[in-house]
Amino acid sequence: MALSALKGLISPETFAHLTPLGGFEARVYTDGERVYKVYRPSEAHLAALEARRMARAGLGGFVLGVEEVAGQGVLITRRFPGRPFRPEAFGPKTLAALSHLFLSLHRLPEPGHVSREELLERLERFAESLFDVPQALSLIQALRGELDRVAGAERRFCHRDAWAGNLLLKEPGGEGPEVLLVDWVRSGGDDPARDLALLKTGSLDLLGEGAAREALFRLARFYPKEVRARLAFYVPLTYLHDLHWFRTKAPEGFQEALADKLPRAQSFFQDCLSRGSQTC
């Protein structure tokens, strides 16, 4: 269906040179200069929504248009000369660019505050799916004890999906920024500490735990103390979310994820607490 939409939108010559880039919620293709993200009819409205959120993030210059073809929504953007996050391409310039990117996002206000109820609901959902993992339940109980401290944070504009496939690093010799976040459908108001936690668990962890923590703390040093303190809650919470996802969506990978992610979650939580005042 996605290709049929593009066939009605671009020339036969361009269509013949399309290369698929994958995609989950939508199918993504490039002709070398432009990227076409095609949403199925039931989610066609997300093309325009993503364009608006890219503009909110300061990336409106990448948006070339939004079209609807055969009921499908198509977001057209300029191609960024980059590849998904990978350790061998990470360096000081990447870290500086990530810092600038996330600080710029998190300066943008969004309505409301993060409520205790929504955080508790997440913990209860994770406890239900991880009911047979005592160490996970113990961690969940410990995080319940932190709710009064972390709830009530002012919402800021967050990407909320900074896993390695969505974080592109500029190729050598390419033009434009050093890094680019793509897939803005899930973006919106949230706690900046959660956005930084997602960056660690989804991308920085590919560097190895020690280097990932060092990069995270270097990014976080530019944030207020209270944001840094909430990392002790959100990093373990994000690992628990990953385990919940594997248990409910990809159970064949659950045991491997459990062996990798639960020790990381426990260690991060305990190490942050040991520093005193729950500050990382």
C-alpha atoms as a PDB file:
ATOM      1  CA  MET A   1       0.000   0.000   0.000  1.00  0.00           C
ATOM      2  CA  ALA A   2       2.802   2.413   0.847  1.00  0.00           C
ATOM      3  CA  LEU A   3       4.395   2.084  -2.563  1.00  0.00           C
ATOM      4  CA  SER A   4       1.067   2.584  -4.294  1.00  0.00           C
ATOM      5  CA  ALA A   5       0.720   5.925  -2.519  1.00  0.00           C
ATOM      6  CA  LEU A   6       4.170   7.017  -3.649  1.00  0.00           C
ATOM      7  CA  LYS A   7       3.522   5.863  -7.207  1.00  0.00           C
ATOM      8  CA  GLY A   8       0.729   8.396  -7.386  1.00  0.00           C
ATOM      9  CA  LEU A   9       2.880  11.141  -5.882  1.00  0.00           C
ATOM     10  CA  ILE A  10       6.284  11.076  -7.584  1.00  0.00           C
ATOM     11  CA  SER A  11       7.571  10.625 -11.117  1.00  0.00           C
ATOM     12  CA  PRO A  12       8.253   7.140 -12.546  1.00  0.00           C
ATOM     13  CA  GLU A  13      11.956   7.982 -12.720  1.00  0.00           C
ATOM     14  CA  THR A  14      12.091   8.874  -9.013  1.00  0.00           C
ATOM     15  CA  PHE A  15       9.919   5.897  -8.079  1.00  0.00           C
ATOM     16  CA  ALA A  16      12.345   3.533  -9.808  1.00  0.00           C
ATOM     17  CA  HIS A  17      15.170   4.718  -7.555  1.00  0.00           C
ATOM     18  CA  LEU A  18      13.381   4.455  -4.212  1.00  0.00           C
ATOM     19  CA  THR A  19      15.213   2.631  -1.442  1.00  0.00           C
ATOM     20  CA  PRO A  20      13.307   1.300   1.584  1.00  0.00           C
ATOM     21  CA  LEU A  21      14.520   2.480   4.994  1.00  0.00           C
ATOM     22  CA  GLY A  22      12.218   0.312   7.094  1.00  0.00           C
ATOM     23  CA  GLY A  23       9.918   1.785   9.721  1.00  0.00           C
ATOM     24  CA  PHE A  24       7.450   0.534  12.331  1.00  0.00           C
ATOM     25  CA  GLU A  25       4.385   2.766  12.518  1.00  0.00           C
ATOM     26  CA  ALA A  26       4.987   3.834   8.912  1.00  0.00           C
ATOM     27  CA  ARG A  27       6.981   2.693   5.893  1.00  0.00           C
ATOM     28  CA  VAL A  28       9.944   4.901   4.992  1.00  0.00           C
ATOM     29  CA  TYR A  29      11.677   5.310   1.630  1.00  0.00           C
ATOM     30  CA  THR A  30      14.291   7.616   0.127  1.00  0.00           C
ATOM     31  CA  ASP A  31      15.170   8.676  -3.387  1.00  0.00           C
ATOM     32  CA  GLY A  32      18.575   9.896  -2.242  1.00  0.00           C
ATOM     33  CA  GLU A  33      17.517  13.503  -1.718  1.00  0.00           C
ATOM     34  CA  ARG A  34      14.137  13.209  -0.024  1.00  0.00           C
ATOM     35  CA  VAL A  35      12.625  10.858   2.538  1.00  0.00           C
ATOM     36  CA  TYR A  36       9.017   9.710   2.248  1.00  0.00           C
ATOM     37  CA  LYS A  37       7.272   8.441   5.384  1.00  0.00           C
ATOM     38  CA  VAL A  38       3.969   6.771   4.515  1.00  0.00           C
ATOM     39  CA  TYR A  39       1.286   6.247   7.161  1.00  0.00           C
ATOM     40  CA  ARG A  40      -1.517   3.751   6.562  1.00  0.00           C
ATOM     41  CA  PRO A  41      -5.069   5.136   6.232  1.00  0.00           C
ATOM     42  CA  SER A  42      -6.016   4.599   9.887  1.00  0.00           C
ATOM     43  CA  GLU A  43      -3.052   6.761  10.912  1.00  0.00           C
ATOM     44  CA  ALA A  44      -2.867   9.141   7.962  1.00  0.00           C
ATOM     45  CA  HIS A  45      -3.287  12.145  10.269  1.00  0.00           C
ATOM     46  CA  LEU A  46       0.064  11.373  11.907  1.00  0.00           C
ATOM     47  CA  ALA A  47       1.960  12.725   8.894  1.00  0.00           C
ATOM     48  CA  ALA A  48       0.730  16.264   9.579  1.00  0.00           C
ATOM     49  CA  LEU A  49       1.130  15.787  13.331  1.00  0.00           C
ATOM     50  CA  GLU A  50       4.754  14.764  12.916  1.00  0.00           C
ATOM     51  CA  ALA A  51       5.416  17.765  10.668  1.00  0.00           C
ATOM     52  CA  ARG A  52       4.022  20.089  13.354  1.00  0.00           C
ATOM     53  CA  ARG A  53       6.112  18.479  16.060  1.00  0.00           C
ATOM     54  CA  MET A  54       9.242  18.706  13.944  1.00  0.00           C
ATOM     55  CA  ALA A  55       8.561  22.404  13.552  1.00  0.00           C
ATOM     56  CA  ARG A  56       8.134  22.673  17.339  1.00  0.00           C
ATOM     57  CA  ALA A  57      11.555  21.055  17.718  1.00  0.00           C
ATOM     58  CA  GLY A  58      13.156  23.566  15.348  1.00  0.00           C
ATOM     59  CA  LEU A  59      13.341  21.123  12.453  1.00  0.00           C
ATOM     60  CA  GLY A  60      10.725  22.717  10.229  1.00  0.00           C
ATOM     61  CA  GLY A  61      13.408  23.358   7.613  1.00  0.00           C
ATOM     62  CA  PHE A  62      13.609  19.608   7.000  1.00  0.00           C
ATOM     63  CA  VAL A  63       9.909  19.335   6.171  1.00  0.00           C
ATOM     64  CA  LEU A  64       9.171  19.592   2.446  1.00  0.00           C
ATOM     65  CA  GLY A  65       5.476  18.770   2.570  1.00  0.00           C
ATOM     66  CA  VAL A  66       2.596  16.626   3.779  1.00  0.00           C
ATOM     67  CA  GLU A  67       0.355  14.848   1.307  1.00  0.00           C
ATOM     68  CA  GLU A  68      -2.595  12.472   1.393  1.00  0.00           C
ATOM     69  CA  VAL A  69      -2.707   9.896  -1.392  1.00  0.00           C
ATOM     70  CA  ALA A  70      -5.266   7.083  -1.555  1.00  0.00           C
ATOM     71  CA  GLY A  71      -6.142   7.753   2.062  1.00  0.00           C
ATOM     72  CA  GLN A  72      -2.543   7.408   3.229  1.00  0.00           C
ATOM     73  CA  GLY A  73      -0.599  10.234   4.866  1.00  0.00           C
ATOM     74  CA  VAL A  74       2.836  11.029   3.457  1.00  0.00           C
ATOM     75  CA  LEU A  75       5.429  13.152   5.242  1.00  0.00           C
ATOM     76  CA  ILE A  76       8.172  14.364   2.879  1.00  0.00           C
ATOM     77  CA  THR A  77      11.453  15.573   4.368  1.00  0.00           C
ATOM     78  CA  ARG A  78      14.963  16.405   3.242  1.00  0.00           C
ATOM     79  CA  ARG A  79      17.337  13.482   3.587  1.00  0.00           C
ATOM     80  CA  PHE A  80      19.874  13.876   6.367  1.00  0.00           C
ATOM     81  CA  PRO A  81      23.356  12.540   5.476  1.00  0.00           C
ATOM     82  CA  GLY A  82      23.615  10.327   8.538  1.00  0.00           C
ATOM     83  CA  ARG A  83      23.367   6.806   9.887  1.00  0.00           C
ATOM     84  CA  PRO A  84      21.825   5.376  13.068  1.00  0.00           C
ATOM     85  CA  PHE A  85      23.771   5.776  16.311  1.00  0.00           C
ATOM     86  CA  ARG A  86      26.784   3.477  16.573  1.00  0.00           C
ATOM     87  CA  PRO A  87      29.659   3.457  19.068  1.00  0.00           C
ATOM     88  CA  GLU A  88      32.479   3.826  16.550  1.00  0.00           C
ATOM     89  CA  ALA A  89      31.061   7.144  15.314  1.00  0.00           C
ATOM     90  CA  PHE A  90      30.566   8.606  18.806  1.00  0.00           C
ATOM     91  CA  GLY A  91      32.971  11.290  20.014  1.00  0.00           C
ATOM     92  CA  PRO A  92      33.209  14.666  21.759  1.00  0.00           C
ATOM     93  CA  LYS A  93      31.499  16.496  18.878  1.00  0.00           C
ATOM     94  CA  THR A  94      28.602  14.035  19.032  1.00  0.00           C
ATOM     95  CA  LEU A  95      28.247  14.503  22.779  1.00  0.00           C
ATOM     96  CA  ALA A  96      28.300  18.289  22.459  1.00  0.00           C
ATOM     97  CA  ALA A  97      25.664  18.157  19.714  1.00  0.00           C
ATOM     98  CA  LEU A  98      23.448  15.847  21.788  1.00  0.00           C
ATOM     99  CA  SER A  99      23.733  18.200  24.729  1.00  0.00           C
ATOM    100  CA  HIS A 100      22.710  21.185  22.629  1.00  0.00           C
ATOM    101  CA  LEU A 101      19.847  19.262  21.026  1.00  0.00           C
ATOM    102  CA  PHE A 102      18.279  18.007  24.241  1.00  0.00           C
ATOM    103  CA  LEU A 103      18.767  21.260  26.136  1.00  0.00           C
ATOM    104  CA  SER A 104      17.069  23.128  23.280  1.00  0.00           C
ATOM    105  CA  LEU A 105      14.099  20.761  23.383  1.00  0.00           C
ATOM    106  CA  HIS A 106      13.779  20.821  27.142  1.00  0.00           C
ATOM    107  CA  ARG A 107      13.674  24.601  27.281  1.00  0.00           C
ATOM    108  CA  LEU A 108      10.321  24.481  25.474  1.00  0.00           C
ATOM    109  CA  PRO A 109       7.427  24.529  27.964  1.00  0.00           C
ATOM    110  CA  GLU A 110       4.452  22.186  27.719  1.00  0.00           C
ATOM    111  CA  PRO A 111       1.213  22.321  29.708  1.00  0.00           C
ATOM    112  CA  GLY A 112       0.866  20.584  33.044  1.00  0.00           C
ATOM    113  CA  HIS A 113       2.944  18.482  35.398  1.00  0.00           C
ATOM    114  CA  VAL A 114       3.877  14.794  35.571  1.00  0.00           C
ATOM    115  CA  SER A 115       1.412  13.274  38.017  1.00  0.00           C
ATOM    116  CA  ARG A 116       2.021  10.713  40.729  1.00  0.00           C
ATOM    117  CA  GLU A 117      -0.936   8.731  39.401  1.00  0.00           C
ATOM    118  CA  GLU A 118       0.514   8.208  35.918  1.00  0.00           C
ATOM    119  CA  LEU A 119       3.861   7.111  37.326  1.00  0.00           C
ATOM    120  CA  LEU A 120       2.181   4.721  39.737  1.00  0.00           C
ATOM    121  CA  GLU A 121       0.072   3.313  36.899  1.00  0.00           C
ATOM    122  CA  ARG A 122       3.242   2.483  34.964  1.00  0.00           C
ATOM    123  CA  LEU A 123       4.779   0.744  37.960  1.00  0.00           C
ATOM    124  CA  GLU A 124       1.629  -1.279  38.553  1.00  0.00           C
ATOM    125  CA  ARG A 125       1.513  -2.304  34.907  1.00  0.00           C
ATOM    126  CA  PHE A 126       5.137  -3.442  35.044  1.00  0.00           C
ATOM    127  CA  ALA A 127       4.526  -5.318  38.294  1.00  0.00           C
ATOM    128  CA  GLU A 128       1.673  -7.182  36.651  1.00  0.00           C
ATOM    129  CA  SER A 129       3.716  -8.320  33.646  1.00  0.00           C
ATOM    130  CA  LEU A 130       6.846  -9.103  35.728  1.00  0.00           C
ATOM    131  CA  PHE A 131       4.938 -10.829  38.532  1.00  0.00           C
ATOM    132  CA  ASP A 132       7.233 -13.879  38.484  1.00  0.00           C
ATOM    133  CA  VAL A 133      10.546 -11.978  38.702  1.00  0.00           C
ATOM    134  CA  PRO A 134      11.193 -11.265  42.416  1.00  0.00           C
ATOM    135  CA  GLN A 135      14.146  -8.946  41.787  1.00  0.00           C
ATOM    136  CA  ALA A 136      12.054  -6.838  39.403  1.00  0.00           C
ATOM    137  CA  LEU A 137       9.224  -6.648  41.938  1.00  0.00           C
ATOM    138  CA  SER A 138      11.697  -5.566  44.596  1.00  0.00           C
ATOM    139  CA  LEU A 139      12.973  -2.772  42.346  1.00  0.00           C
ATOM    140  CA  ILE A 140       9.412  -1.711  41.523  1.00  0.00           C
ATOM    141  CA  GLN A 141       8.643  -1.497  45.229  1.00  0.00           C
ATOM    142  CA  ALA A 142      11.727   0.655  45.774  1.00  0.00           C
ATOM    143  CA  LEU A 143      10.648   2.969  42.959  1.00  0.00           C
ATOM    144  CA  ARG A 144       7.200   3.295  44.528  1.00  0.00           C
ATOM    145  CA  GLY A 145       8.974   4.802  47.488  1.00  0.00           C
ATOM    146  CA  GLU A 146      10.400   7.527  45.251  1.00  0.00           C
ATOM    147  CA  LEU A 147       7.087   8.649  43.732  1.00  0.00           C
ATOM    148  CA  ASP A 148       6.463  11.591  46.043  1.00  0.00           C
ATOM    149  CA  ARG A 149       9.931  12.914  45.262  1.00  0.00           C
ATOM    150  CA  VAL A 150       9.775  12.666  41.467  1.00  0.00           C
ATOM    151  CA  ALA A 151       6.113  13.459  40.767  1.00  0.00           C
ATOM    152  CA  GLY A 152       5.019  17.002  40.002  1.00  0.00           C
ATOM    153  CA  ALA A 153       7.791  17.950  37.576  1.00  0.00           C
ATOM    154  CA  GLU A 154       6.878  20.586  35.006  1.00  0.00           C
ATOM    155  CA  ARG A 155       6.430  19.106  31.555  1.00  0.00           C
ATOM    156  CA  ARG A 156       8.837  20.141  28.830  1.00  0.00           C
ATOM    157  CA  PHE A 157       8.926  19.244  25.149  1.00  0.00           C
ATOM    158  CA  CYS A 158      10.568  15.818  24.855  1.00  0.00           C
ATOM    159  CA  HIS A 159      11.294  13.432  21.987  1.00  0.00           C
ATOM    160  CA  ARG A 160      10.473  10.340  24.089  1.00  0.00           C
ATOM    161  CA  ASP A 161      11.875   7.769  21.648  1.00  0.00           C
ATOM    162  CA  ALA A 162      15.645   8.349  21.368  1.00  0.00           C
ATOM    163  CA  TRP A 163      16.658   4.798  20.592  1.00  0.00           C
ATOM    164  CA  ALA A 164      19.608   4.188  18.267  1.00  0.00           C
ATOM    165  CA  GLY A 165      17.487   3.823  15.127  1.00  0.00           C
ATOM    166  CA  ASN A 166      15.986   7.273  15.636  1.00  0.00           C
ATOM    167  CA  LEU A 167      19.264   9.025  16.462  1.00  0.00           C
ATOM    168  CA  LEU A 168      21.224   9.717  13.286  1.00  0.00           C
ATOM    169  CA  LEU A 169      24.888  10.720  13.366  1.00  0.00           C
ATOM    170  CA  LYS A 170      26.196  12.770  10.459  1.00  0.00           C
ATOM    171  CA  GLU A 171      28.456  10.926   8.050  1.00  0.00           C
ATOM    172  CA  PRO A 172      31.975  12.355   7.499  1.00  0.00           C
ATOM    173  CA  GLY A 173      31.823  15.148   4.967  1.00  0.00           C
ATOM    174  CA  GLY A 174      28.060  15.523   5.281  1.00  0.00           C
ATOM    175  CA  GLU A 175      26.341  18.867   5.681  1.00  0.00           C
ATOM    176  CA  GLY A 176      24.062  19.938   8.500  1.00  0.00           C
ATOM    177  CA  PRO A 177      23.996  19.268  12.226  1.00  0.00           C
ATOM    178  CA  GLU A 178      26.135  16.589  13.846  1.00  0.00           C
ATOM    179  CA  VAL A 179      23.079  14.658  15.028  1.00  0.00           C
ATOM    180  CA  LEU A 180      19.423  14.464  14.083  1.00  0.00           C
ATOM    181  CA  LEU A 181      16.502  12.870  15.883  1.00  0.00           C
ATOM    182  CA  VAL A 182      13.832  11.406  13.623  1.00  0.00           C
ATOM    183  CA  ASP A 183      10.360   9.969  14.291  1.00  0.00           C
ATOM    184  CA  TRP A 184       8.603  12.703  16.260  1.00  0.00           C
ATOM    185  CA  VAL A 185       5.187  11.065  16.542  1.00  0.00           C
ATOM    186  CA  ARG A 186       5.662  10.168  20.225  1.00  0.00           C
ATOM    187  CA  SER A 187       7.099  13.560  21.160  1.00  0.00           C
ATOM    188  CA  GLY A 188       5.302  15.808  23.604  1.00  0.00           C
ATOM    189  CA  GLY A 189       5.224  17.037  27.175  1.00  0.00           C
ATOM    190  CA  ASP A 190       7.158  14.977  29.704  1.00  0.00           C
ATOM    191  CA  ASP A 191       9.878  15.086  32.352  1.00  0.00           C
ATOM    192  CA  PRO A 192      13.280  15.906  30.780  1.00  0.00           C
ATOM    193  CA  ALA A 193      14.825  13.321  33.111  1.00  0.00           C
ATOM    194  CA  ARG A 194      12.780  10.626  31.376  1.00  0.00           C
ATOM    195  CA  ASP A 195      13.964  11.850  27.956  1.00  0.00           C
ATOM    196  CA  LEU A 196      17.599  11.597  29.106  1.00  0.00           C
ATOM    197  CA  ALA A 197      16.919   8.142  30.575  1.00  0.00           C
ATOM    198  CA  LEU A 198      15.500   6.969  27.246  1.00  0.00           C
ATOM    199  CA  LEU A 199      18.594   8.315  25.499  1.00  0.00           C
ATOM    200  CA  LYS A 200      20.810   6.240  27.801  1.00  0.00           C
ATOM    201  CA  THR A 201      18.891   2.982  27.599  1.00  0.00           C
ATOM    202  CA  GLY A 202      18.095   3.271  23.894  1.00  0.00           C
ATOM    203  CA  SER A 203      21.347   4.622  22.465  1.00  0.00           C
ATOM    204  CA  LEU A 204      24.177   5.418  24.879  1.00  0.00           C
ATOM    205  CA  ASP A 205      24.194   1.889  26.316  1.00  0.00           C
ATOM    206  CA  LEU A 206      25.714   0.727  23.037  1.00  0.00           C
ATOM    207  CA  LEU A 207      28.914   2.417  24.257  1.00  0.00           C
ATOM    208  CA  GLY A 208      29.122   0.068  27.258  1.00  0.00           C
ATOM    209  CA  GLU A 209      27.821   0.813  30.737  1.00  0.00           C
ATOM    210  CA  GLY A 210      30.743   2.883  31.978  1.00  0.00           C
ATOM    211  CA  ALA A 211      30.945   5.088  28.902  1.00  0.00           C
ATOM    212  CA  ALA A 212      27.142   5.368  28.755  1.00  0.00           C
ATOM    213  CA  ARG A 213      26.957   6.649  32.316  1.00  0.00           C
ATOM    214  CA  GLU A 214      29.803   9.081  31.734  1.00  0.00           C
ATOM    215  CA  ALA A 215      28.078  10.494  28.637  1.00  0.00           C
ATOM    216  CA  LEU A 216      24.723  10.705  30.422  1.00  0.00           C
ATOM    217  CA  PHE A 217      26.172  12.540  33.426  1.00  0.00           C
ATOM    218  CA  ARG A 218      28.072  14.938  31.185  1.00  0.00           C
ATOM    219  CA  LEU A 219      24.793  15.766  29.441  1.00  0.00           C
ATOM    220  CA  ALA A 220      22.917  16.052  32.714  1.00  0.00           C
ATOM    221  CA  ARG A 221      25.398  18.437  34.359  1.00  0.00           C
ATOM    222  CA  PHE A 222      23.788  21.350  32.486  1.00  0.00           C
ATOM    223  CA  TYR A 223      20.389  20.599  34.049  1.00  0.00           C
ATOM    224  CA  PRO A 224      19.092  21.697  37.451  1.00  0.00           C
ATOM    225  CA  LYS A 225      19.959  19.433  40.376  1.00  0.00           C
ATOM    226  CA  GLU A 226      16.371  18.231  40.695  1.00  0.00           C
ATOM    227  CA  VAL A 227      16.366  16.944  37.097  1.00  0.00           C
ATOM    228  CA  ARG A 228      19.636  15.078  37.679  1.00  0.00           C
ATOM    229  CA  ALA A 229      18.227  13.578  40.861  1.00  0.00           C
ATOM    230  CA  ARG A 230      15.218  12.149  39.023  1.00  0.00           C
ATOM    231  CA  LEU A 231      17.497  10.071  36.779  1.00  0.00           C
ATOM    232  CA  ALA A 232      17.782   7.634  39.701  1.00  0.00           C
ATOM    233  CA  PHE A 233      14.076   6.924  39.188  1.00  0.00           C
ATOM    234  CA  TYR A 234      13.679   7.208  35.422  1.00  0.00           C
ATOM    235  CA  VAL A 235      16.642   5.119  34.252  1.00  0.00           C
ATOM    236  CA  PRO A 236      15.474   2.008  36.175  1.00  0.00           C
ATOM    237  CA  LEU A 237      11.877   2.743  35.181  1.00  0.00           C
ATOM    238  CA  THR A 238      12.895   2.765  31.522  1.00  0.00           C
ATOM    239  CA  TYR A 239      14.625  -0.607  31.816  1.00  0.00           C
ATOM    240  CA  LEU A 240      11.482  -1.994  33.450  1.00  0.00           C
ATOM    241  CA  HIS A 241       9.459  -0.643  30.538  1.00  0.00           C
ATOM    242  CA  ASP A 242      11.783  -2.488  28.147  1.00  0.00           C
ATOM    243  CA  LEU A 243      11.254  -5.732  30.074  1.00  0.00           C
ATOM    244  CA  HIS A 244       7.493  -5.178  30.054  1.00  0.00           C
ATOM    245  CA  TRP A 245       7.673  -4.671  26.282  1.00  0.00           C
ATOM    246  CA  PHE A 246       9.600  -7.882  25.720  1.00  0.00           C
ATOM    247  CA  ARG A 247       7.306  -9.862  28.002  1.00  0.00           C
ATOM    248  CA  THR A 248       4.151  -8.629  26.230  1.00  0.00           C
ATOM    249  CA  LYS A 249       5.335  -7.979  22.631  1.00  0.00           C
ATOM    250  CA  ALA A 250       8.369 -10.189  21.985  1.00  0.00           C
ATOM    251  CA  PRO A 251       8.434 -12.939  24.612  1.00  0.00           C
ATOM    252  CA  GLU A 252      11.046 -14.914  22.686  1.00  0.00           C
ATOM    253  CA  GLY A 253      13.592 -12.227  23.632  1.00  0.00           C
ATOM    254  CA  PHE A 254      12.467 -11.755  27.223  1.00  0.00           C
ATOM    255  CA  GLN A 255      15.024 -13.935  29.026  1.00  0.00           C
ATOM    256  CA  GLU A 256      17.959 -12.367  27.192  1.00  0.00           C
ATOM    257  CA  ALA A 257      16.612  -8.882  27.902  1.00  0.00           C
ATOM    258  CA  LEU A 258      16.048  -9.778  31.539  1.00  0.00           C
ATOM    259  CA  ALA A 259      19.651 -10.933  31.980  1.00  0.00           C
ATOM    260  CA  ASP A 260      20.946  -7.691  30.448  1.00  0.00           C
ATOM    261  CA  LYS A 261      18.555  -4.986  31.583  1.00  0.00           C
ATOM    262  CA  LEU A 262      17.539  -5.886  35.126  1.00  0.00           C
ATOM    263  CA  PRO A 263      21.116  -5.819  36.513  1.00  0.00           C
ATOM    264  CA  ARG A 264      21.662  -2.459  34.780  1.00  0.00           C
ATOM    265  CA  ALA A 265      18.495  -1.095  36.381  1.00  0.00           C
ATOM    266  CA  GLN A 266      19.365  -2.356  39.845  1.00  0.00           C
ATOM    267  CA  SER A 267      22.940  -1.132  39.645  1.00  0.00           C
ATOM    268  CA  PHE A 268      22.007   2.341  38.430  1.00  0.00           C
ATOM    269  CA  PHE A 269      19.398   2.766  41.160  1.00  0.00           C
ATOM    270  CA  GLN A 270      21.695   1.601  43.945  1.00  0.00           C
ATOM    271  CA  ASP A 271      24.700   3.581  42.719  1.00  0.00           C
ATOM    272  CA  CYS A 272      22.678   6.788  42.521  1.00  0.00           C
ATOM    273  CA  LEU A 273      21.285   6.255  46.004  1.00  0.00           C
ATOM    274  CA  SER A 274      24.743   5.591  47.393  1.00  0.00           C
ATOM    275  CA  ARG A 275      25.866   9.038  46.225  1.00  0.00           C
ATOM    276  CA  GLY A 276      23.469  10.553  48.725  1.00  0.00           C
ATOM    277  CA  SER A 277      20.182  12.408  48.386  1.00  0.00           C
ATOM    278  CA  GLN A 278      19.245  10.271  45.339  1.00  0.00           C
ATOM    279  CA  THR A 279      21.522  12.411  43.162  1.00  0.00           C
ATOM    280  CA  CYS A 280      23.351  10.943  40.181  1.00  0.00           C
END
